[in-house]
Structures are given as structure tokens and as C-alpha cells.
N, C-alpha and C. Protein backbone atom coordinates (compact mmCIF):
# COMPACT_ATOMS: atom_id res chain seq x y z
N MET A 1 35.74 -13.46 25.58
CA MET A 1 36.28 -12.99 24.32
C MET A 1 35.30 -12.08 23.62
N GLY A 2 34.01 -12.39 23.75
CA GLY A 2 33.01 -11.55 23.12
C GLY A 2 33.06 -10.12 23.62
N GLU A 3 33.25 -9.95 24.93
CA GLU A 3 33.35 -8.60 25.49
C GLU A 3 34.58 -7.88 24.98
N ALA A 4 35.69 -8.59 24.88
CA ALA A 4 36.92 -7.97 24.38
C ALA A 4 36.74 -7.52 22.95
N LEU A 5 36.09 -8.33 22.13
CA LEU A 5 35.85 -7.96 20.74
C LEU A 5 34.97 -6.73 20.62
N GLU A 6 34.01 -6.60 21.52
CA GLU A 6 33.08 -5.48 21.45
C GLU A 6 33.62 -4.21 22.08
N MET A 7 34.57 -4.33 23.00
CA MET A 7 35.03 -3.17 23.74
C MET A 7 36.37 -2.60 23.26
N GLY A 8 37.30 -3.47 22.93
CA GLY A 8 38.64 -3.01 22.60
C GLY A 8 38.85 -2.88 21.11
N PRO A 9 39.70 -1.96 20.70
CA PRO A 9 40.00 -1.84 19.27
C PRO A 9 40.73 -3.09 18.77
N PHE A 10 40.40 -3.52 17.58
CA PHE A 10 40.97 -4.76 17.03
C PHE A 10 42.48 -4.67 16.87
N PHE A 11 42.99 -3.47 16.60
CA PHE A 11 44.43 -3.34 16.38
C PHE A 11 45.23 -3.44 17.68
N LYS A 12 44.56 -3.58 18.83
CA LYS A 12 45.25 -3.73 20.10
C LYS A 12 45.06 -5.11 20.72
N GLN A 13 44.34 -5.99 20.05
CA GLN A 13 44.07 -7.32 20.60
C GLN A 13 45.04 -8.34 20.02
N LEU A 14 45.47 -9.27 20.87
CA LEU A 14 46.41 -10.30 20.46
C LEU A 14 45.85 -11.68 20.78
N TYR A 15 46.18 -12.64 19.95
CA TYR A 15 45.82 -14.03 20.21
C TYR A 15 46.60 -14.53 21.42
N SER A 16 45.93 -15.32 22.24
CA SER A 16 46.59 -16.01 23.33
C SER A 16 45.88 -17.34 23.57
N SER A 17 46.64 -18.39 23.71
CA SER A 17 46.04 -19.69 23.98
C SER A 17 45.74 -19.86 25.47
N ASP A 18 46.35 -19.03 26.31
CA ASP A 18 46.25 -19.15 27.77
C ASP A 18 46.75 -20.50 28.26
N ALA A 19 47.58 -21.15 27.47
CA ALA A 19 48.07 -22.48 27.83
C ALA A 19 49.44 -22.39 28.49
N PHE A 20 49.78 -23.43 29.19
CA PHE A 20 51.10 -23.58 29.77
C PHE A 20 51.35 -25.06 30.00
N GLY A 21 52.58 -25.45 29.86
CA GLY A 21 52.93 -26.83 30.17
C GLY A 21 52.63 -27.82 29.05
N LEU A 22 51.56 -28.55 29.20
CA LEU A 22 51.22 -29.63 28.27
C LEU A 22 50.90 -29.12 26.87
N ALA A 23 51.42 -29.82 25.88
CA ALA A 23 51.17 -29.43 24.49
C ALA A 23 49.68 -29.45 24.15
N GLU A 24 48.95 -30.35 24.76
CA GLU A 24 47.52 -30.46 24.50
C GLU A 24 46.78 -29.17 24.86
N LEU A 25 47.26 -28.47 25.88
CA LEU A 25 46.61 -27.22 26.29
C LEU A 25 46.76 -26.14 25.22
N TYR A 26 47.89 -26.12 24.52
CA TYR A 26 48.07 -25.15 23.44
C TYR A 26 47.12 -25.48 22.29
N TYR A 27 46.99 -26.75 21.98
CA TYR A 27 46.06 -27.17 20.93
C TYR A 27 44.63 -26.79 21.29
N LEU A 28 44.21 -27.12 22.50
CA LEU A 28 42.83 -26.83 22.91
C LEU A 28 42.59 -25.32 23.00
N GLY A 29 43.59 -24.56 23.41
CA GLY A 29 43.46 -23.11 23.47
C GLY A 29 43.24 -22.49 22.11
N GLN A 30 43.99 -22.92 21.11
CA GLN A 30 43.82 -22.37 19.77
C GLN A 30 42.50 -22.84 19.16
N LEU A 31 42.09 -24.06 19.48
CA LEU A 31 40.81 -24.56 18.97
C LEU A 31 39.66 -23.73 19.53
N GLN A 32 39.70 -23.47 20.83
CA GLN A 32 38.66 -22.65 21.46
C GLN A 32 38.67 -21.23 20.90
N PHE A 33 39.86 -20.66 20.72
CA PHE A 33 39.98 -19.32 20.15
C PHE A 33 39.33 -19.25 18.77
N ARG A 34 39.65 -20.20 17.91
CA ARG A 34 39.09 -20.21 16.56
C ARG A 34 37.57 -20.35 16.57
N ARG A 35 37.08 -21.25 17.40
CA ARG A 35 35.63 -21.48 17.47
C ARG A 35 34.88 -20.24 17.95
N VAL A 36 35.36 -19.65 19.02
CA VAL A 36 34.67 -18.49 19.60
C VAL A 36 34.75 -17.29 18.65
N LEU A 37 35.91 -17.06 18.08
CA LEU A 37 36.06 -15.94 17.15
C LEU A 37 35.15 -16.14 15.93
N LYS A 38 35.09 -17.34 15.41
CA LYS A 38 34.22 -17.64 14.27
C LYS A 38 32.75 -17.41 14.62
N GLN A 39 32.34 -17.86 15.78
CA GLN A 39 30.94 -17.67 16.21
C GLN A 39 30.57 -16.19 16.25
N HIS A 40 31.43 -15.39 16.85
CA HIS A 40 31.14 -13.96 16.96
C HIS A 40 31.13 -13.28 15.60
N LEU A 41 32.11 -13.58 14.78
CA LEU A 41 32.18 -12.94 13.47
C LEU A 41 31.05 -13.41 12.56
N ASP A 42 30.67 -14.67 12.63
CA ASP A 42 29.53 -15.16 11.86
C ASP A 42 28.24 -14.42 12.26
N ARG A 43 28.09 -14.19 13.55
CA ARG A 43 26.91 -13.46 14.03
C ARG A 43 26.93 -12.02 13.54
N TRP A 44 28.09 -11.39 13.62
CA TRP A 44 28.21 -10.00 13.15
C TRP A 44 27.91 -9.90 11.65
N ILE A 45 28.38 -10.86 10.88
CA ILE A 45 28.11 -10.86 9.43
C ILE A 45 26.61 -11.04 9.19
N ALA A 46 26.00 -11.99 9.89
CA ALA A 46 24.56 -12.24 9.74
C ALA A 46 23.72 -11.02 10.13
N GLU A 47 24.18 -10.26 11.13
CA GLU A 47 23.45 -9.08 11.59
C GLU A 47 23.82 -7.82 10.82
N GLY A 48 24.72 -7.95 9.86
CA GLY A 48 25.12 -6.81 9.05
C GLY A 48 26.07 -5.85 9.74
N MET A 49 26.70 -6.29 10.82
CA MET A 49 27.62 -5.44 11.55
C MET A 49 28.99 -5.35 10.87
N CYS A 50 29.31 -6.33 10.04
CA CYS A 50 30.52 -6.30 9.23
C CYS A 50 30.31 -7.24 8.04
N ASN A 51 31.19 -7.12 7.06
CA ASN A 51 31.10 -8.02 5.92
C ASN A 51 32.24 -9.03 5.99
N LEU A 52 32.31 -9.93 5.04
CA LEU A 52 33.30 -11.00 5.06
C LEU A 52 34.73 -10.45 5.00
N ALA A 53 34.95 -9.44 4.17
CA ALA A 53 36.29 -8.86 4.06
C ALA A 53 36.73 -8.24 5.38
N GLU A 54 35.82 -7.55 6.05
CA GLU A 54 36.15 -6.96 7.35
C GLU A 54 36.42 -8.04 8.40
N ALA A 55 35.64 -9.10 8.36
CA ALA A 55 35.85 -10.21 9.30
C ALA A 55 37.21 -10.85 9.07
N ASP A 56 37.59 -11.04 7.81
CA ASP A 56 38.91 -11.60 7.50
C ASP A 56 40.02 -10.69 8.02
N ARG A 57 39.82 -9.39 7.89
CA ARG A 57 40.82 -8.43 8.36
C ARG A 57 40.94 -8.48 9.89
N ILE A 58 39.82 -8.60 10.58
CA ILE A 58 39.82 -8.70 12.04
C ILE A 58 40.59 -9.95 12.48
N VAL A 59 40.30 -11.07 11.84
CA VAL A 59 41.00 -12.33 12.18
C VAL A 59 42.49 -12.19 11.95
N ALA A 60 42.89 -11.62 10.81
CA ALA A 60 44.31 -11.46 10.50
C ALA A 60 45.01 -10.58 11.52
N MET A 61 44.34 -9.51 11.95
CA MET A 61 44.95 -8.62 12.94
C MET A 61 45.14 -9.33 14.27
N ILE A 62 44.08 -9.94 14.79
CA ILE A 62 44.14 -10.54 16.12
C ILE A 62 45.01 -11.80 16.13
N ALA A 63 44.92 -12.62 15.09
CA ALA A 63 45.63 -13.89 15.08
C ALA A 63 47.14 -13.73 14.89
N SER A 64 47.58 -12.75 14.10
CA SER A 64 49.02 -12.63 13.90
C SER A 64 49.50 -11.22 13.57
N GLY A 65 48.72 -10.47 12.85
CA GLY A 65 49.16 -9.16 12.37
C GLY A 65 49.59 -8.20 13.46
N ASN A 66 48.82 -8.11 14.52
CA ASN A 66 49.16 -7.19 15.60
C ASN A 66 50.46 -7.59 16.27
N SER A 67 50.66 -8.87 16.51
CA SER A 67 51.91 -9.33 17.12
C SER A 67 53.10 -9.03 16.22
N ARG A 68 52.93 -9.27 14.93
CA ARG A 68 54.02 -8.99 13.99
C ARG A 68 54.37 -7.51 14.00
N ARG A 69 53.36 -6.65 14.05
CA ARG A 69 53.59 -5.20 14.05
C ARG A 69 54.24 -4.76 15.36
N ILE A 70 53.70 -5.19 16.49
CA ILE A 70 54.20 -4.74 17.79
C ILE A 70 55.63 -5.22 18.05
N TYR A 71 55.92 -6.46 17.72
CA TYR A 71 57.22 -7.04 18.01
C TYR A 71 58.18 -7.02 16.83
N SER A 72 57.83 -6.28 15.78
CA SER A 72 58.68 -6.15 14.58
C SER A 72 59.17 -7.50 14.06
N LEU A 73 58.21 -8.40 13.82
CA LEU A 73 58.57 -9.76 13.39
C LEU A 73 58.68 -9.90 11.87
N ASP A 74 58.29 -8.90 11.12
CA ASP A 74 58.39 -9.01 9.66
C ASP A 74 59.71 -8.50 9.16
């Protein structure tokens, strides 16, 4: 995920749990997604690569905004 965040534009990235079948896999997938994304964004904020508002915008885009835009869900 770290490589994807550093290489691809944020407006083209979508959340995926990579789960199938068992409900527990969807839960664990979203938990892992949140943890890894938080770790990377916390590091970027600490290193001055982005601020809190930018980090919030990145999360909103990847977690739901891009899907809503692409699939006309609003």
C-alpha cells in the first residue's frame, strides 16, 4: 500500500478489503487498510510532506470519494 500511495495519484486509488467469503475477512481487510493508511499519513505529517487537512482529504478520496465519483453514487 505504501508504494501505491507514493506512486499513483490519490484521485485514482480505491479502497479494497481484498476479502471474499467469510465476513471476518472483510472486517480484517478494512482494519488492515485503516492501520496502514494511518501509519503512512502520520509519517508524512511528521515529516512535513502533508498537513492534517491534506491527509483527511487523501483518506476521503481513497476510502469513498473516488468510488462515489467513478460510479456516480451520489
